């Protein structure tokens, strides 16, 4: 005699709602599209700014008026150098003259007849 075996059939899981899957895939697509668009916009906006910053750091792109003013300042500095040397020479001569006058005054005070 055989014993009949009852097998319970498990119900199949419910199929996902096709509308839900379609909405999710559209949502993922829109999020991805938004990321791509924002990335492209950021590159287009920030690229010229970073390029200008790089040129400024390198010193290659300087305003023409600023360059002319810098050249003028360098010319003035070159003209000042001989004047500085000349002032130093005059200061040395003045100090020498002051020392000579001081020595002469001291010698006049030390003479037996007193100052002249």
C-alpha atoms as a PDB file:
ATOM      1  CA  UNK A   1       0.000   0.000   0.000  1.00  0.00           C
ATOM      2  CA  UNK A   2       1.315   3.311  -0.759  1.00  0.00           C
ATOM      3  CA  UNK A   3       0.632   6.360   1.198  1.00  0.00           C
ATOM      4  CA  UNK A   4      -0.337   9.273  -0.863  1.00  0.00           C
ATOM      5  CA  UNK A   5       1.969  12.231  -0.297  1.00  0.00           C
ATOM      6  CA  UNK A   6       0.348  15.543  -0.249  1.00  0.00           C
ATOM      7  CA  UNK A   7       2.506  18.206  -1.635  1.00  0.00           C
ATOM      8  CA  UNK A   8       1.548  21.722  -1.029  1.00  0.00           C
ATOM      9  CA  UNK A   9       2.274  23.914  -3.881  1.00  0.00           C
ATOM     10  CA  UNK A  10       3.704  27.227  -2.867  1.00  0.00           C
ATOM     11  CA  UNK A  11       2.073  30.051  -4.638  1.00  0.00           C
ATOM     12  CA  UNK A  12       4.221  31.892  -7.124  1.00  0.00           C
ATOM     13  CA  UNK A  13       5.362  35.303  -5.954  1.00  0.00           C
ATOM     14  CA  UNK A  14       3.309  38.095  -7.393  1.00  0.00           C
ATOM     15  CA  UNK A  15       4.756  39.676 -10.474  1.00  0.00           C
ATOM     16  CA  UNK A  16       6.031  43.189 -10.008  1.00  0.00           C
ATOM     17  CA  UNK A  17       3.833  45.950 -11.211  1.00  0.00           C
ATOM     18  CA  UNK A  18       5.089  46.923 -14.687  1.00  0.00           C
ATOM     19  CA  UNK A  19       4.085  50.533 -14.102  1.00  0.00           C
ATOM     20  CA  UNK A  20       6.211  50.660 -10.942  1.00  0.00           C
ATOM     21  CA  UNK A  21       9.248  49.268 -12.762  1.00  0.00           C
ATOM     22  CA  UNK A  22       8.770  51.711 -15.605  1.00  0.00           C
ATOM     23  CA  UNK A  23       8.542  54.650 -13.176  1.00  0.00           C
ATOM     24  CA  UNK A  24      11.687  53.525 -11.357  1.00  0.00           C
ATOM     25  CA  UNK A  25      13.671  53.181 -14.556  1.00  0.00           C
ATOM     26  CA  UNK A  26      12.509  56.630 -15.683  1.00  0.00           C
ATOM     27  CA  UNK A  27      13.499  58.068 -12.321  1.00  0.00           C
ATOM     28  CA  UNK A  28      16.980  56.523 -12.535  1.00  0.00           C
ATOM     29  CA  UNK A  29      17.348  57.813 -16.074  1.00  0.00           C
ATOM     30  CA  UNK A  30      16.343  61.349 -15.047  1.00  0.00           C
ATOM     31  CA  UNK A  31      18.739  61.331 -12.095  1.00  0.00           C
ATOM     32  CA  UNK A  32      21.582  60.180 -14.330  1.00  0.00           C
ATOM     33  CA  UNK A  33      20.683  62.784 -16.944  1.00  0.00           C
ATOM     34  CA  UNK A  34      20.607  65.517 -14.286  1.00  0.00           C
ATOM     35  CA  UNK A  35      24.074  64.504 -13.053  1.00  0.00           C
ATOM     36  CA  UNK A  36      25.470  64.600 -16.581  1.00  0.00           C
ATOM     37  CA  UNK A  37      23.883  68.001 -17.355  1.00  0.00           C
ATOM     38  CA  UNK A  38      25.110  69.534 -14.092  1.00  0.00           C
ATOM     39  CA  UNK A  39      28.609  68.160 -14.679  1.00  0.00           C
ATOM     40  CA  UNK A  40      28.756  69.599 -18.199  1.00  0.00           C
ATOM     41  CA  UNK A  41      27.450  72.966 -16.988  1.00  0.00           C
ATOM     42  CA  UNK A  42      30.024  73.043 -14.174  1.00  0.00           C
ATOM     43  CA  UNK A  43      32.842  72.291 -16.607  1.00  0.00           C
ATOM     44  CA  UNK A  44      31.649  74.971 -19.040  1.00  0.00           C
ATOM     45  CA  UNK A  45      31.336  77.589 -16.303  1.00  0.00           C
ATOM     46  CA  UNK A  46      34.407  76.769 -14.225  1.00  0.00           C
ATOM     47  CA  UNK A  47      36.878  76.007 -17.022  1.00  0.00           C
ATOM     48  CA  UNK A  48      37.442  79.658 -18.039  1.00  0.00           C
ATOM     49  CA  UNK A  49      37.761  80.647 -14.393  1.00  0.00           C
ATOM     50  CA  UNK A  50      40.396  78.011 -13.711  1.00  0.00           C
ATOM     51  CA  UNK A  51      42.215  78.901 -16.937  1.00  0.00           C
ATOM     52  CA  UNK A  52      42.317  82.586 -15.934  1.00  0.00           C
ATOM     53  CA  UNK A  53      43.549  81.662 -12.476  1.00  0.00           C
ATOM     54  CA  UNK A  54      46.278  79.474 -13.962  1.00  0.00           C
ATOM     55  CA  UNK A  55      47.395  82.282 -16.316  1.00  0.00           C
ATOM     56  CA  UNK A  56      47.489  84.721 -13.429  1.00  0.00           C
ATOM     57  CA  UNK A  57      49.547  82.342 -11.308  1.00  0.00           C
ATOM     58  CA  UNK A  58      51.956  81.790 -14.182  1.00  0.00           C
ATOM     59  CA  UNK A  59      52.165  85.529 -14.779  1.00  0.00           C
ATOM     60  CA  UNK A  60      51.746  85.181 -18.521  1.00  0.00           C
ATOM     61  CA  UNK A  61      48.535  87.143 -18.857  1.00  0.00           C
ATOM     62  CA  UNK A  62      49.019  90.545 -17.264  1.00  0.00           C
ATOM     63  CA  UNK A  63      46.971  93.625 -18.018  1.00  0.00           C
ATOM     64  CA  UNK A  64      48.762  95.931 -20.485  1.00  0.00           C
ATOM     65  CA  UNK A  65      48.330  98.958 -18.228  1.00  0.00           C
ATOM     66  CA  UNK A  66      49.763  97.061 -15.279  1.00  0.00           C
ATOM     67  CA  UNK A  67      52.698  95.890 -17.406  1.00  0.00           C
ATOM     68  CA  UNK A  68      53.394  99.495 -18.528  1.00  0.00           C
ATOM     69  CA  UNK A  69      53.268 100.734 -14.939  1.00  0.00           C
ATOM     70  CA  UNK A  70      55.658  97.992 -13.848  1.00  0.00           C
ATOM     71  CA  UNK A  71      58.091  98.919 -16.624  1.00  0.00           C
ATOM     72  CA  UNK A  72      57.893 102.586 -15.606  1.00  0.00           C
ATOM     73  CA  UNK A  73      58.648 101.664 -11.974  1.00  0.00           C
ATOM     74  CA  UNK A  74      61.655  99.636 -13.086  1.00  0.00           C
ATOM     75  CA  UNK A  75      62.938 102.613 -15.077  1.00  0.00           C
ATOM     76  CA  UNK A  76      62.549 104.861 -12.031  1.00  0.00           C
ATOM     77  CA  UNK A  77      64.401 102.357  -9.874  1.00  0.00           C
ATOM     78  CA  UNK A  78      67.229 102.235 -12.432  1.00  0.00           C
ATOM     79  CA  UNK A  79      67.425 106.048 -12.395  1.00  0.00           C
ATOM     80  CA  UNK A  80      67.519 106.092  -8.579  1.00  0.00           C
ATOM     81  CA  UNK A  81      70.523 103.807  -8.254  1.00  0.00           C
ATOM     82  CA  UNK A  82      73.129 106.399  -9.416  1.00  0.00           C
ATOM     83  CA  UNK A  83      71.453 108.994  -7.184  1.00  0.00           C
ATOM     84  CA  UNK A  84      71.746 106.677  -4.200  1.00  0.00           C
ATOM     85  CA  UNK A  85      75.449 106.216  -4.902  1.00  0.00           C
ATOM     86  CA  UNK A  86      75.891 109.969  -5.221  1.00  0.00           C
ATOM     87  CA  UNK A  87      74.087 110.672  -1.912  1.00  0.00           C
ATOM     88  CA  UNK A  88      76.276 108.107  -0.139  1.00  0.00           C
ATOM     89  CA  UNK A  89      79.385 109.810  -1.548  1.00  0.00           C
ATOM     90  CA  UNK A  90      78.141 113.235  -0.391  1.00  0.00           C
ATOM     91  CA  UNK A  91      77.398 111.837   3.092  1.00  0.00           C
ATOM     92  CA  UNK A  92      80.939 110.479   3.350  1.00  0.00           C
ATOM     93  CA  UNK A  93      82.396 113.841   2.307  1.00  0.00           C
ATOM     94  CA  UNK A  94      80.224 115.684   4.808  1.00  0.00           C
ATOM     95  CA  UNK A  95      81.297 113.373   7.646  1.00  0.00           C
ATOM     96  CA  UNK A  96      84.950 113.827   6.648  1.00  0.00           C
ATOM     97  CA  UNK A  97      84.528 117.626   6.607  1.00  0.00           C
ATOM     98  CA  UNK A  98      82.813 117.584  10.021  1.00  0.00           C
ATOM     99  CA  UNK A  99      85.663 115.520  11.482  1.00  0.00           C
ATOM    100  CA  UNK A 100      88.269 117.909  10.061  1.00  0.00           C
ATOM    101  CA  UNK A 101      86.462 120.914  11.484  1.00  0.00           C
ATOM    102  CA  UNK A 102      86.078 119.225  14.878  1.00  0.00           C
ATOM    103  CA  UNK A 103      89.791 118.339  14.973  1.00  0.00           C
ATOM    104  CA  UNK A 104      90.761 121.878  14.059  1.00  0.00           C
ATOM    105  CA  UNK A 105      88.484 123.312  16.756  1.00  0.00           C
ATOM    106  CA  UNK A 106      89.999 120.927  19.306  1.00  0.00           C
ATOM    107  CA  UNK A 107      93.524 121.932  18.265  1.00  0.00           C
ATOM    108  CA  UNK A 108      92.673 125.620  18.565  1.00  0.00           C
ATOM    109  CA  UNK A 109      91.313 125.069  22.078  1.00  0.00           C
ATOM    110  CA  UNK A 110      94.425 123.172  23.156  1.00  0.00           C
ATOM    111  CA  UNK A 111      96.926 125.837  21.941  1.00  0.00           C
ATOM    112  CA  UNK A 112      98.555 127.887  24.645  1.00  0.00           C
ATOM    113  CA  UNK A 113      97.149 131.154  23.302  1.00  0.00           C
ATOM    114  CA  UNK A 114      93.559 129.873  23.271  1.00  0.00           C
ATOM    115  CA  UNK A 115      91.225 130.038  20.336  1.00  0.00           C
ATOM    116  CA  UNK A 116      91.991 132.531  17.612  1.00  0.00           C
END
